Amino acid sequence: MAISKMMTLALRALSYAEPGGRDYRLERIFQSLTHPSLPALYTVWEHHVISKDGYEVPMRIFYPKAMASEELLLFFHGGGWVSGTIDTYSKTCADLADAVGRRVVSVDYRLAPEYPFPHGLEDCYAAARELFLHSDMFHGDVPEIILMGDSAGGNLSAAVSLLAAARGEFYVKRQILLYPAVYYDYTESSPFPSVWENGEGYLLTSKKVQEYMELYSPDPRQRKSPYVAPILAPKLSGQPETLIITAEFDPLRDEGEAYGEKLRKAGCTVWVVRFPDMLHGFFSLPVRFAPVRRCHAYIKRFLDGTIGEIENAGKTDS
């Protein structure tokens, strides 16, 4: 089935169009203008945590209209580590909270190139550490906190899980990675076919991802760190139960699915679902789009423990 004209136009507005090449400031302005604002009827709460270097990391907590569980989703937004904010992702997080009946906490981590790796990662880790170790901030017990992120946010979710295992301060039981970036090379040298198969003509280009990576991790030697490229982690046993969702026409498709396979081989429980006909960034579309609702449904089934037996690699959503 071909990608519909409406879907292409919507993704062009909401996803990763390239308004100014490497002008990330213009890109941030573009995203702030094209992402929908949050209606006043949604219930939110602002909070801050202190990162490793003393920076106050803003967090925004979204409450569902109907609470189905006390579980909480800690969400790291996408944007190639250089754009995206809790403001541009507010509608996405509010819709997610309503769809799954859980609170969603969105983290406004610092962005590259002003704050390259590891600043953004340490901000996300500080947010996770605060919630895992001080859940009394919600005036009650939070039985479980699930990490979640899309694109660069998926990278940060996976990296926070790895960092938590290395530091031993808290244990991440489950994570949700939406079309995550988990490798470091998006040139013709990439081992993943989707980088060149989908590298042009599908809004997010492989060239753009490579530029993002160079801004986030300007030192090429750092890019092979598992905290930049989680798929290179030498040890993945004990990593969280994981749901990975990929998009058919996405340069990041194959590395996300390969990460799922590597987690599975390490003994982790993993579900990998590929959404056909979708482009990178589709999760940020309005909920009137059926693929967004199906994505919400998979996430809810994962959270509810009713996702069932899905193949551990390459499952295609229908």
C-alpha atoms as a PDB file:
ATOM      1  CA  MET A   1       0.000   0.000   0.000  1.00  0.00           C
ATOM      2  CA  ALA A   2       1.403   3.398  -0.986  1.00  0.00           C
ATOM      3  CA  ILE A   3       1.830   6.185   1.544  1.00  0.00           C
ATOM      4  CA  SER A   4      -1.207   8.460   1.296  1.00  0.00           C
ATOM      5  CA  LYS A   5      -0.814  12.076   0.237  1.00  0.00           C
ATOM      6  CA  MET A   6      -2.432  13.236   3.481  1.00  0.00           C
ATOM      7  CA  MET A   7      -0.026  11.165   5.560  1.00  0.00           C
ATOM      8  CA  THR A   8       2.980  12.499   3.630  1.00  0.00           C
ATOM      9  CA  LEU A   9       1.855  16.111   4.088  1.00  0.00           C
ATOM     10  CA  ALA A  10       1.182  15.615   7.780  1.00  0.00           C
ATOM     11  CA  LEU A  11       4.553  14.014   8.381  1.00  0.00           C
ATOM     12  CA  ARG A  12       6.266  16.746   6.406  1.00  0.00           C
ATOM     13  CA  ALA A  13       4.759  19.285   8.804  1.00  0.00           C
ATOM     14  CA  LEU A  14       5.244  17.358  12.026  1.00  0.00           C
ATOM     15  CA  SER A  15       8.372  15.316  11.491  1.00  0.00           C
ATOM     16  CA  TYR A  16      11.824  16.028  10.199  1.00  0.00           C
ATOM     17  CA  ALA A  17      11.695  18.375   7.236  1.00  0.00           C
ATOM     18  CA  GLU A  18      14.967  20.184   6.641  1.00  0.00           C
ATOM     19  CA  PRO A  19      14.156  23.911   6.671  1.00  0.00           C
ATOM     20  CA  GLY A  20      17.712  25.100   7.072  1.00  0.00           C
ATOM     21  CA  GLY A  21      20.256  22.350   6.528  1.00  0.00           C
ATOM     22  CA  ARG A  22      22.566  22.405   9.542  1.00  0.00           C
ATOM     23  CA  ASP A  23      20.897  25.546  10.946  1.00  0.00           C
ATOM     24  CA  TYR A  24      19.521  23.846  14.038  1.00  0.00           C
ATOM     25  CA  ARG A  25      18.207  27.149  15.441  1.00  0.00           C
ATOM     26  CA  LEU A  26      15.945  27.553  12.422  1.00  0.00           C
ATOM     27  CA  GLU A  27      14.880  23.935  12.797  1.00  0.00           C
ATOM     28  CA  ARG A  28      13.845  24.556  16.405  1.00  0.00           C
ATOM     29  CA  ILE A  29      11.773  27.568  15.341  1.00  0.00           C
ATOM     30  CA  PHE A  30      10.205  25.532  12.536  1.00  0.00           C
ATOM     31  CA  GLN A  31       9.201  22.761  14.922  1.00  0.00           C
ATOM     32  CA  SER A  32       7.742  25.185  17.474  1.00  0.00           C
ATOM     33  CA  LEU A  33       5.558  26.710  14.759  1.00  0.00           C
ATOM     34  CA  THR A  34       4.361  23.449  13.215  1.00  0.00           C
ATOM     35  CA  HIS A  35       3.635  21.370  16.331  1.00  0.00           C
ATOM     36  CA  PRO A  36       0.159  21.800  17.771  1.00  0.00           C
ATOM     37  CA  SER A  37      -0.258  23.600  21.083  1.00  0.00           C
ATOM     38  CA  LEU A  38      -1.754  21.889  24.121  1.00  0.00           C
ATOM     39  CA  PRO A  39      -5.386  22.710  24.879  1.00  0.00           C
ATOM     40  CA  ALA A  40      -6.045  24.131  28.350  1.00  0.00           C
ATOM     41  CA  LEU A  41      -8.295  21.199  29.292  1.00  0.00           C
ATOM     42  CA  TYR A  42      -5.315  18.874  29.779  1.00  0.00           C
ATOM     43  CA  THR A  43      -3.974  18.522  33.337  1.00  0.00           C
ATOM     44  CA  VAL A  44      -0.213  19.045  33.662  1.00  0.00           C
ATOM     45  CA  TRP A  45       2.268  19.695  36.439  1.00  0.00           C
ATOM     46  CA  GLU A  46       5.694  21.340  36.121  1.00  0.00           C
ATOM     47  CA  HIS A  47       8.681  19.995  38.059  1.00  0.00           C
ATOM     48  CA  HIS A  48      12.494  20.223  38.024  1.00  0.00           C
ATOM     49  CA  VAL A  49      15.310  17.828  38.908  1.00  0.00           C
ATOM     50  CA  ILE A  50      19.007  18.548  39.334  1.00  0.00           C
ATOM     51  CA  SER A  51      21.383  16.995  36.804  1.00  0.00           C
ATOM     52  CA  LYS A  52      24.928  15.821  37.498  1.00  0.00           C
ATOM     53  CA  ASP A  53      26.472  19.261  36.891  1.00  0.00           C
ATOM     54  CA  GLY A  54      23.844  21.185  38.861  1.00  0.00           C
ATOM     55  CA  TYR A  55      21.581  22.062  35.926  1.00  0.00           C
ATOM     56  CA  GLU A  56      17.845  22.216  36.678  1.00  0.00           C
ATOM     57  CA  VAL A  57      16.114  19.864  34.230  1.00  0.00           C
ATOM     58  CA  PRO A  58      12.480  20.823  33.508  1.00  0.00           C
ATOM     59  CA  MET A  59       9.874  18.062  33.556  1.00  0.00           C
ATOM     60  CA  ARG A  60       6.197  18.189  32.649  1.00  0.00           C
ATOM     61  CA  ILE A  61       3.762  15.634  34.011  1.00  0.00           C
ATOM     62  CA  PHE A  62       0.613  14.811  32.041  1.00  0.00           C
ATOM     63  CA  TYR A  63      -2.376  13.206  33.733  1.00  0.00           C
ATOM     64  CA  PRO A  64      -4.852  11.023  31.835  1.00  0.00           C
ATOM     65  CA  LYS A  65      -8.549  11.762  31.876  1.00  0.00           C
ATOM     66  CA  ALA A  66      -9.091   8.273  33.328  1.00  0.00           C
ATOM     67  CA  MET A  67      -6.354   6.556  35.326  1.00  0.00           C
ATOM     68  CA  ALA A  68      -6.003   2.862  34.454  1.00  0.00           C
ATOM     69  CA  SER A  69      -2.831   2.231  36.452  1.00  0.00           C
ATOM     70  CA  GLU A  70      -0.468   3.948  38.875  1.00  0.00           C
ATOM     71  CA  GLU A  71       2.406   3.082  36.528  1.00  0.00           C
ATOM     72  CA  LEU A  72       4.222   6.054  35.070  1.00  0.00           C
ATOM     73  CA  LEU A  73       5.849   6.594  31.664  1.00  0.00           C
ATOM     74  CA  LEU A  74       9.065   8.631  31.653  1.00  0.00           C
ATOM     75  CA  PHE A  75       9.250  10.066  28.138  1.00  0.00           C
ATOM     76  CA  PHE A  76      12.329  11.386  26.300  1.00  0.00           C
ATOM     77  CA  HIS A  77      11.418  13.284  23.136  1.00  0.00           C
ATOM     78  CA  GLY A  78      12.978  12.981  19.708  1.00  0.00           C
ATOM     79  CA  GLY A  79      14.506  15.642  17.504  1.00  0.00           C
ATOM     80  CA  GLY A  80      17.970  14.325  16.732  1.00  0.00           C
ATOM     81  CA  TRP A  81      19.335  15.513  20.105  1.00  0.00           C
ATOM     82  CA  VAL A  82      19.289  19.067  18.679  1.00  0.00           C
ATOM     83  CA  SER A  83      15.600  20.029  18.574  1.00  0.00           C
ATOM     84  CA  GLY A  84      12.299  19.112  20.181  1.00  0.00           C
ATOM     85  CA  THR A  85      11.087  20.285  23.607  1.00  0.00           C
ATOM     86  CA  ILE A  86       8.430  19.421  26.148  1.00  0.00           C
ATOM     87  CA  ASP A  87       6.364  22.123  24.437  1.00  0.00           C
ATOM     88  CA  THR A  88       6.568  20.621  20.943  1.00  0.00           C
ATOM     89  CA  TYR A  89       5.796  17.174  22.393  1.00  0.00           C
ATOM     90  CA  SER A  90       3.074  18.239  24.829  1.00  0.00           C
ATOM     91  CA  LYS A  91       0.147  17.200  22.636  1.00  0.00           C
ATOM     92  CA  THR A  92       1.844  13.881  21.840  1.00  0.00           C
ATOM     93  CA  CYS A  93       2.401  13.155  25.538  1.00  0.00           C
ATOM     94  CA  ALA A  94      -1.096  14.258  26.553  1.00  0.00           C
ATOM     95  CA  ASP A  95      -2.654  12.006  23.896  1.00  0.00           C
ATOM     96  CA  LEU A  96      -0.433   9.134  25.035  1.00  0.00           C
ATOM     97  CA  ALA A  97      -1.466   9.601  28.663  1.00  0.00           C
ATOM     98  CA  ASP A  98      -5.158   9.459  27.724  1.00  0.00           C
ATOM     99  CA  ALA A  99      -4.683   6.485  25.404  1.00  0.00           C
ATOM    100  CA  VAL A 100      -2.906   4.259  27.956  1.00  0.00           C
ATOM    101  CA  GLY A 101      -4.434   5.607  31.176  1.00  0.00           C
ATOM    102  CA  ARG A 102      -1.087   6.397  32.777  1.00  0.00           C
ATOM    103  CA  ARG A 103       0.744   9.538  33.789  1.00  0.00           C
ATOM    104  CA  VAL A 104       3.439  10.625  31.346  1.00  0.00           C
ATOM    105  CA  VAL A 105       6.476  12.611  32.484  1.00  0.00           C
ATOM    106  CA  SER A 106       8.234  14.464  29.655  1.00  0.00           C
ATOM    107  CA  VAL A 107      11.845  15.594  30.140  1.00  0.00           C
ATOM    108  CA  ASP A 108      13.245  18.799  28.640  1.00  0.00           C
ATOM    109  CA  TYR A 109      16.861  17.654  28.432  1.00  0.00           C
ATOM    110  CA  ARG A 110      19.590  19.951  27.116  1.00  0.00           C
ATOM    111  CA  LEU A 111      20.241  19.958  23.390  1.00  0.00           C
ATOM    112  CA  ALA A 112      23.293  19.795  21.165  1.00  0.00           C
ATOM    113  CA  PRO A 113      25.372  21.422  19.807  1.00  0.00           C
ATOM    114  CA  GLU A 114      25.393  23.820  22.757  1.00  0.00           C
ATOM    115  CA  TYR A 115      25.299  20.819  25.089  1.00  0.00           C
ATOM    116  CA  PRO A 116      26.750  17.766  23.338  1.00  0.00           C
ATOM    117  CA  PHE A 117      26.966  14.229  24.731  1.00  0.00           C
ATOM    118  CA  PRO A 118      26.790  13.396  27.599  1.00  0.00           C
ATOM    119  CA  HIS A 119      24.754  16.422  28.824  1.00  0.00           C
ATOM    120  CA  GLY A 120      21.393  15.282  27.428  1.00  0.00           C
ATOM    121  CA  LEU A 121      21.934  11.731  28.637  1.00  0.00           C
ATOM    122  CA  GLU A 122      22.885  12.876  32.138  1.00  0.00           C
ATOM    123  CA  ASP A 123      19.766  15.077  32.259  1.00  0.00           C
ATOM    124  CA  CYS A 124      17.594  12.090  31.322  1.00  0.00           C
ATOM    125  CA  TYR A 125      19.384   9.873  33.828  1.00  0.00           C
ATOM    126  CA  ALA A 126      18.837  12.482  36.571  1.00  0.00           C
ATOM    127  CA  ALA A 127      15.115  12.555  35.766  1.00  0.00           C
ATOM    128  CA  ALA A 128      14.942   8.755  35.911  1.00  0.00           C
ATOM    129  CA  ARG A 129      16.940   8.600  39.132  1.00  0.00           C
ATOM    130  CA  GLU A 130      14.629  11.153  40.761  1.00  0.00           C
ATOM    131  CA  LEU A 131      11.515   9.175  39.889  1.00  0.00           C
ATOM    132  CA  PHE A 132      12.905   5.762  40.753  1.00  0.00           C
ATOM    133  CA  LEU A 133      14.411   6.831  44.079  1.00  0.00           C
ATOM    134  CA  HIS A 134      11.934   9.516  45.145  1.00  0.00           C
ATOM    135  CA  SER A 135       8.549   8.388  43.920  1.00  0.00           C
ATOM    136  CA  ASP A 136       7.022   9.938  47.045  1.00  0.00           C
ATOM    137  CA  MET A 137       7.012  13.211  45.083  1.00  0.00           C
ATOM    138  CA  PHE A 138       3.641  11.992  43.766  1.00  0.00           C
ATOM    139  CA  HIS A 139       2.268  11.649  47.313  1.00  0.00           C
ATOM    140  CA  GLY A 140       1.913   7.913  46.952  1.00  0.00           C
ATOM    141  CA  ASP A 141       3.697   4.821  45.762  1.00  0.00           C
ATOM    142  CA  VAL A 142       4.455   4.444  42.045  1.00  0.00           C
ATOM    143  CA  PRO A 143       4.629   0.679  41.483  1.00  0.00           C
ATOM    144  CA  GLU A 144       6.609   0.937  38.268  1.00  0.00           C
ATOM    145  CA  ILE A 145       8.276   3.502  36.018  1.00  0.00           C
ATOM    146  CA  ILE A 146       8.633   2.637  32.331  1.00  0.00           C
ATOM    147  CA  LEU A 147      11.192   4.417  30.138  1.00  0.00           C
ATOM    148  CA  MET A 148      10.011   5.545  26.730  1.00  0.00           C
ATOM    149  CA  GLY A 149      11.318   7.643  23.863  1.00  0.00           C
ATOM    150  CA  ASP A 150      11.092   8.185  20.126  1.00  0.00           C
ATOM    151  CA  SER A 151      14.033   8.479  17.724  1.00  0.00           C
ATOM    152  CA  ALA A 152      16.821  10.279  19.635  1.00  0.00           C
ATOM    153  CA  GLY A 153      14.618   9.858  22.701  1.00  0.00           C
ATOM    154  CA  GLY A 154      14.602   6.108  22.062  1.00  0.00           C
ATOM    155  CA  ASN A 155      18.386   6.274  22.003  1.00  0.00           C
ATOM    156  CA  LEU A 156      18.363   8.103  25.344  1.00  0.00           C
ATOM    157  CA  SER A 157      15.916   5.600  26.856  1.00  0.00           C
ATOM    158  CA  ALA A 158      18.140   2.678  25.901  1.00  0.00           C
ATOM    159  CA  ALA A 159      21.239   4.538  27.106  1.00  0.00           C
ATOM    160  CA  VAL A 160      19.634   5.388  30.462  1.00  0.00           C
ATOM    161  CA  SER A 161      18.779   1.690  30.921  1.00  0.00           C
ATOM    162  CA  LEU A 162      22.397   0.771  30.220  1.00  0.00           C
ATOM    163  CA  LEU A 163      23.684   3.508  32.520  1.00  0.00           C
ATOM    164  CA  ALA A 164      21.340   2.415  35.295  1.00  0.00           C
ATOM    165  CA  ALA A 165      22.688  -1.130  35.049  1.00  0.00           C
ATOM    166  CA  ALA A 166      26.286   0.158  35.154  1.00  0.00           C
ATOM    167  CA  ARG A 167      25.776   2.516  38.103  1.00  0.00           C
ATOM    168  CA  GLY A 168      23.450   0.245  40.046  1.00  0.00           C
ATOM    169  CA  GLU A 169      21.340   3.034  41.548  1.00  0.00           C
ATOM    170  CA  PHE A 170      17.994   1.766  40.261  1.00  0.00           C
ATOM    171  CA  TYR A 171      16.580  -1.001  38.111  1.00  0.00           C
ATOM    172  CA  VAL A 172      14.594  -0.420  34.922  1.00  0.00           C
ATOM    173  CA  LYS A 173      12.074  -3.215  34.382  1.00  0.00           C
ATOM    174  CA  ARG A 174      10.486  -2.124  31.075  1.00  0.00           C
ATOM    175  CA  GLN A 175      11.180   0.266  28.211  1.00  0.00           C
ATOM    176  CA  ILE A 176       9.433   1.341  24.992  1.00  0.00           C
ATOM    177  CA  LEU A 177      11.581   2.438  22.052  1.00  0.00           C
ATOM    178  CA  LEU A 178       9.904   4.081  19.058  1.00  0.00           C
ATOM    179  CA  TYR A 179      12.047   3.950  15.902  1.00  0.00           C
ATOM    180  CA  PRO A 180      15.179   4.409  18.048  1.00  0.00           C
ATOM    181  CA  ALA A 181      18.592   5.554  16.863  1.00  0.00           C
ATOM    182  CA  VAL A 182      20.954   2.972  18.330  1.00  0.00           C
ATOM    183  CA  TYR A 183      23.980   3.098  15.978  1.00  0.00           C
ATOM    184  CA  TYR A 184      26.423   5.874  15.108  1.00  0.00           C
ATOM    185  CA  ASP A 185      27.122   5.739  11.351  1.00  0.00           C
ATOM    186  CA  TYR A 186      24.593   6.898   8.749  1.00  0.00           C
ATOM    187  CA  THR A 187      26.963   7.127   5.805  1.00  0.00           C
ATOM    188  CA  GLU A 188      27.385   4.601   2.993  1.00  0.00           C
ATOM    189  CA  SER A 189      29.480   2.596   5.487  1.00  0.00           C
ATOM    190  CA  SER A 190      26.460   1.747   7.624  1.00  0.00           C
ATOM    191  CA  PRO A 191      25.810  -2.003   7.951  1.00  0.00           C
ATOM    192  CA  PHE A 192      22.032  -1.434   7.940  1.00  0.00           C
ATOM    193  CA  PRO A 193      20.310  -1.524   4.516  1.00  0.00           C
ATOM    194  CA  SER A 194      17.480   0.816   5.550  1.00  0.00           C
ATOM    195  CA  VAL A 195      20.009   3.660   5.827  1.00  0.00           C
ATOM    196  CA  TRP A 196      20.497   3.697   2.054  1.00  0.00           C
ATOM    197  CA  GLU A 197      17.153   2.169   1.049  1.00  0.00           C
ATOM    198  CA  ASN A 198      15.223   4.877   2.917  1.00  0.00           C
ATOM    199  CA  GLY A 199      17.965   7.489   3.138  1.00  0.00           C
ATOM    200  CA  GLU A 200      16.377   9.888   0.640  1.00  0.00           C
ATOM    201  CA  GLY A 201      12.828  10.804  -0.274  1.00  0.00           C
ATOM    202  CA  TYR A 202      11.181   9.880   3.036  1.00  0.00           C
ATOM    203  CA  LEU A 203      11.502  13.193   4.918  1.00  0.00           C
ATOM    204  CA  LEU A 204      14.206  12.107   7.370  1.00  0.00           C
ATOM    205  CA  THR A 205      17.356  11.538   5.312  1.00  0.00           C
ATOM    206  CA  SER A 206      20.411   9.540   6.279  1.00  0.00           C
ATOM    207  CA  LYS A 207      22.466  12.696   5.661  1.00  0.00           C
ATOM    208  CA  LYS A 208      20.379  14.543   8.218  1.00  0.00           C
ATOM    209  CA  VAL A 209      20.770  11.782  10.815  1.00  0.00           C
ATOM    210  CA  GLN A 210      24.539  11.845  10.293  1.00  0.00           C
ATOM    211  CA  GLU A 211      24.537  15.607  10.840  1.00  0.00           C
ATOM    212  CA  TYR A 212      22.537  15.149  14.022  1.00  0.00           C
ATOM    213  CA  MET A 213      25.020  12.564  15.254  1.00  0.00           C
ATOM    214  CA  GLU A 214      27.977  14.845  14.537  1.00  0.00           C
ATOM    215  CA  LEU A 215      26.324  17.660  16.493  1.00  0.00           C
ATOM    216  CA  TYR A 216      25.429  15.390  19.407  1.00  0.00           C
ATOM    217  CA  SER A 217      28.764  13.590  19.527  1.00  0.00           C
ATOM    218  CA  PRO A 218      31.376  15.793  17.818  1.00  0.00           C
ATOM    219  CA  ASP A 219      34.231  13.535  18.930  1.00  0.00           C
ATOM    220  CA  PRO A 220      34.185  10.512  16.554  1.00  0.00           C
ATOM    221  CA  ARG A 221      35.843   8.374  19.227  1.00  0.00           C
ATOM    222  CA  GLN A 222      32.873   8.845  21.544  1.00  0.00           C
ATOM    223  CA  ARG A 223      30.371   7.605  18.957  1.00  0.00           C
ATOM    224  CA  LYS A 224      31.307   3.983  19.575  1.00  0.00           C
ATOM    225  CA  SER A 225      30.383   4.308  23.241  1.00  0.00           C
ATOM    226  CA  PRO A 226      27.328   2.168  24.074  1.00  0.00           C
ATOM    227  CA  TYR A 227      25.847   5.290  25.664  1.00  0.00           C
ATOM    228  CA  VAL A 228      25.851   6.893  22.195  1.00  0.00           C
ATOM    229  CA  ALA A 229      25.272   3.704  20.205  1.00  0.00           C
ATOM    230  CA  PRO A 230      23.482   1.244  22.544  1.00  0.00           C
ATOM    231  CA  ILE A 231      23.637  -1.593  20.024  1.00  0.00           C
ATOM    232  CA  LEU A 232      27.407  -1.708  20.633  1.00  0.00           C
ATOM    233  CA  ALA A 233      26.976  -2.526  24.328  1.00  0.00           C
ATOM    234  CA  PRO A 234      29.132  -5.589  25.079  1.00  0.00           C
ATOM    235  CA  LYS A 235      26.637  -6.901  27.630  1.00  0.00           C
ATOM    236  CA  LEU A 236      22.859  -6.660  27.264  1.00  0.00           C
ATOM    237  CA  SER A 237      21.749  -9.430  29.591  1.00  0.00           C
ATOM    238  CA  GLY A 238      19.514  -8.072  32.316  1.00  0.00           C
ATOM    239  CA  GLN A 239      18.254  -5.202  30.185  1.00  0.00           C
ATOM    240  CA  PRO A 240      14.549  -4.300  30.484  1.00  0.00           C
ATOM    241  CA  GLU A 241      11.628  -6.066  28.906  1.00  0.00           C
ATOM    242  CA  THR A 242      11.340  -4.053  25.699  1.00  0.00           C
ATOM    243  CA  LEU A 243       8.817  -3.026  23.076  1.00  0.00           C
ATOM    244  CA  ILE A 244      10.405  -1.671  19.882  1.00  0.00           C
ATOM    245  CA  ILE A 245       8.260  -0.082  17.185  1.00  0.00           C
ATOM    246  CA  THR A 246       9.783   0.704  13.784  1.00  0.00           C
ATOM    247  CA  ALA A 247       8.526   2.309  10.567  1.00  0.00           C
ATOM    248  CA  GLU A 248       8.844   0.696   7.128  1.00  0.00           C
ATOM    249  CA  PHE A 249      10.203   3.754   5.278  1.00  0.00           C
ATOM    250  CA  ASP A 250      12.609   4.922   7.968  1.00  0.00           C
ATOM    251  CA  PRO A 251      16.419   4.991   7.701  1.00  0.00           C
ATOM    252  CA  LEU A 252      16.522   3.850  11.345  1.00  0.00           C
ATOM    253  CA  ARG A 253      14.293   0.812  10.788  1.00  0.00           C
ATOM    254  CA  ASP A 254      16.933  -1.913  10.561  1.00  0.00           C
ATOM    255  CA  GLU A 255      19.105  -0.822  13.464  1.00  0.00           C
ATOM    256  CA  GLY A 256      16.070  -0.688  15.754  1.00  0.00           C
ATOM    257  CA  GLU A 257      15.070  -4.208  14.749  1.00  0.00           C
ATOM    258  CA  ALA A 258      18.673  -5.414  15.048  1.00  0.00           C
ATOM    259  CA  TYR A 259      18.807  -4.008  18.579  1.00  0.00           C
ATOM    260  CA  GLY A 260      15.712  -5.999  19.420  1.00  0.00           C
ATOM    261  CA  GLU A 261      17.320  -9.145  18.081  1.00  0.00           C
ATOM    262  CA  LYS A 262      20.496  -8.502  20.055  1.00  0.00           C
ATOM    263  CA  LEU A 263      18.463  -7.995  23.235  1.00  0.00           C
ATOM    264  CA  ARG A 264      16.586 -11.235  22.548  1.00  0.00           C
ATOM    265  CA  LYS A 265      19.837 -13.176  22.058  1.00  0.00           C
ATOM    266  CA  ALA A 266      21.045 -11.772  25.382  1.00  0.00           C
ATOM    267  CA  GLY A 267      18.032 -13.369  27.061  1.00  0.00           C
ATOM    268  CA  CYS A 268      15.803 -10.309  27.309  1.00  0.00           C
ATOM    269  CA  THR A 269      12.082 -10.345  26.569  1.00  0.00           C
ATOM    270  CA  VAL A 270      11.486  -8.261  23.446  1.00  0.00           C
ATOM    271  CA  TRP A 271       8.633  -7.453  21.081  1.00  0.00           C
ATOM    272  CA  VAL A 272       9.498  -5.785  17.772  1.00  0.00           C
ATOM    273  CA  VAL A 273       6.685  -4.424  15.612  1.00  0.00           C
ATOM    274  CA  ARG A 274       7.199  -2.852  12.192  1.00  0.00           C
ATOM    275  CA  PHE A 275       4.482  -0.476  11.013  1.00  0.00           C
ATOM    276  CA  PRO A 276       4.044  -0.789   7.225  1.00  0.00           C
ATOM    277  CA  ASP A 277       3.888   2.308   5.017  1.00  0.00           C
ATOM    278  CA  MET A 278       4.981   4.570   7.875  1.00  0.00           C
ATOM    279  CA  LEU A 279       7.735   7.164   7.916  1.00  0.00           C
ATOM    280  CA  HIS A 280       9.947   8.286  10.758  1.00  0.00           C
ATOM    281  CA  GLY A 281       8.112  10.488  13.229  1.00  0.00           C
ATOM    282  CA  PHE A 282       4.600   9.150  12.646  1.00  0.00           C
ATOM    283  CA  PHE A 283       3.900   8.818  16.386  1.00  0.00           C
ATOM    284  CA  SER A 284       3.730  12.632  16.662  1.00  0.00           C
ATOM    285  CA  LEU A 285       0.777  12.824  14.285  1.00  0.00           C
ATOM    286  CA  PRO A 286      -2.688  13.621  15.692  1.00  0.00           C
ATOM    287  CA  VAL A 287      -4.660  10.715  17.123  1.00  0.00           C
ATOM    288  CA  ARG A 288      -7.160  10.897  14.258  1.00  0.00           C
ATOM    289  CA  PHE A 289      -4.579   8.985  12.203  1.00  0.00           C
ATOM    290  CA  ALA A 290      -5.193   5.244  12.510  1.00  0.00           C
ATOM    291  CA  PRO A 291      -1.486   4.260  12.773  1.00  0.00           C
ATOM    292  CA  VAL A 292      -1.126   6.487  15.844  1.00  0.00           C
ATOM    293  CA  ARG A 293      -4.108   4.794  17.491  1.00  0.00           C
ATOM    294  CA  ARG A 294      -2.693   1.346  16.630  1.00  0.00           C
ATOM    295  CA  CYS A 295       0.628   2.399  18.125  1.00  0.00           C
ATOM    296  CA  HIS A 296      -1.161   3.479  21.296  1.00  0.00           C
ATOM    297  CA  ALA A 297      -2.926   0.114  21.342  1.00  0.00           C
ATOM    298  CA  TYR A 298       0.369  -1.819  21.156  1.00  0.00           C
ATOM    299  CA  ILE A 299       1.825   0.322  23.947  1.00  0.00           C
ATOM    300  CA  LYS A 300      -1.215  -0.239  26.147  1.00  0.00           C
ATOM    301  CA  ARG A 301      -1.136  -3.998  25.545  1.00  0.00           C
ATOM    302  CA  PHE A 302       2.561  -4.013  26.438  1.00  0.00           C
ATOM    303  CA  LEU A 303       1.853  -2.099  29.647  1.00  0.00           C
ATOM    304  CA  ASP A 304      -1.158  -4.262  30.521  1.00  0.00           C
ATOM    305  CA  GLY A 305       0.775  -7.477  29.899  1.00  0.00           C
ATOM    306  CA  THR A 306      -1.612  -8.567  27.133  1.00  0.00           C
ATOM    307  CA  ILE A 307       0.599  -8.051  24.100  1.00  0.00           C
ATOM    308  CA  GLY A 308       0.702 -11.810  23.516  1.00  0.00           C
ATOM    309  CA  GLU A 309       3.140 -13.821  21.485  1.00  0.00           C
ATOM    310  CA  ILE A 310       4.683 -11.552  18.875  1.00  0.00           C
ATOM    311  CA  GLU A 311       7.766 -12.651  16.982  1.00  0.00           C
ATOM    312  CA  ASN A 312      10.893 -11.186  18.533  1.00  0.00           C
ATOM    313  CA  ALA A 313      12.042  -9.602  15.292  1.00  0.00           C
ATOM    314  CA  GLY A 314      10.403  -8.207  12.196  1.00  0.00           C
ATOM    315  CA  LYS A 315       6.726  -8.512  13.182  1.00  0.00           C
ATOM    316  CA  THR A 316       4.664  -6.373  10.800  1.00  0.00           C
ATOM    317  CA  ASP A 317       1.642  -4.517  12.059  1.00  0.00           C
ATOM    318  CA  SER A 318      -1.466  -5.062   9.966  1.00  0.00           C
END
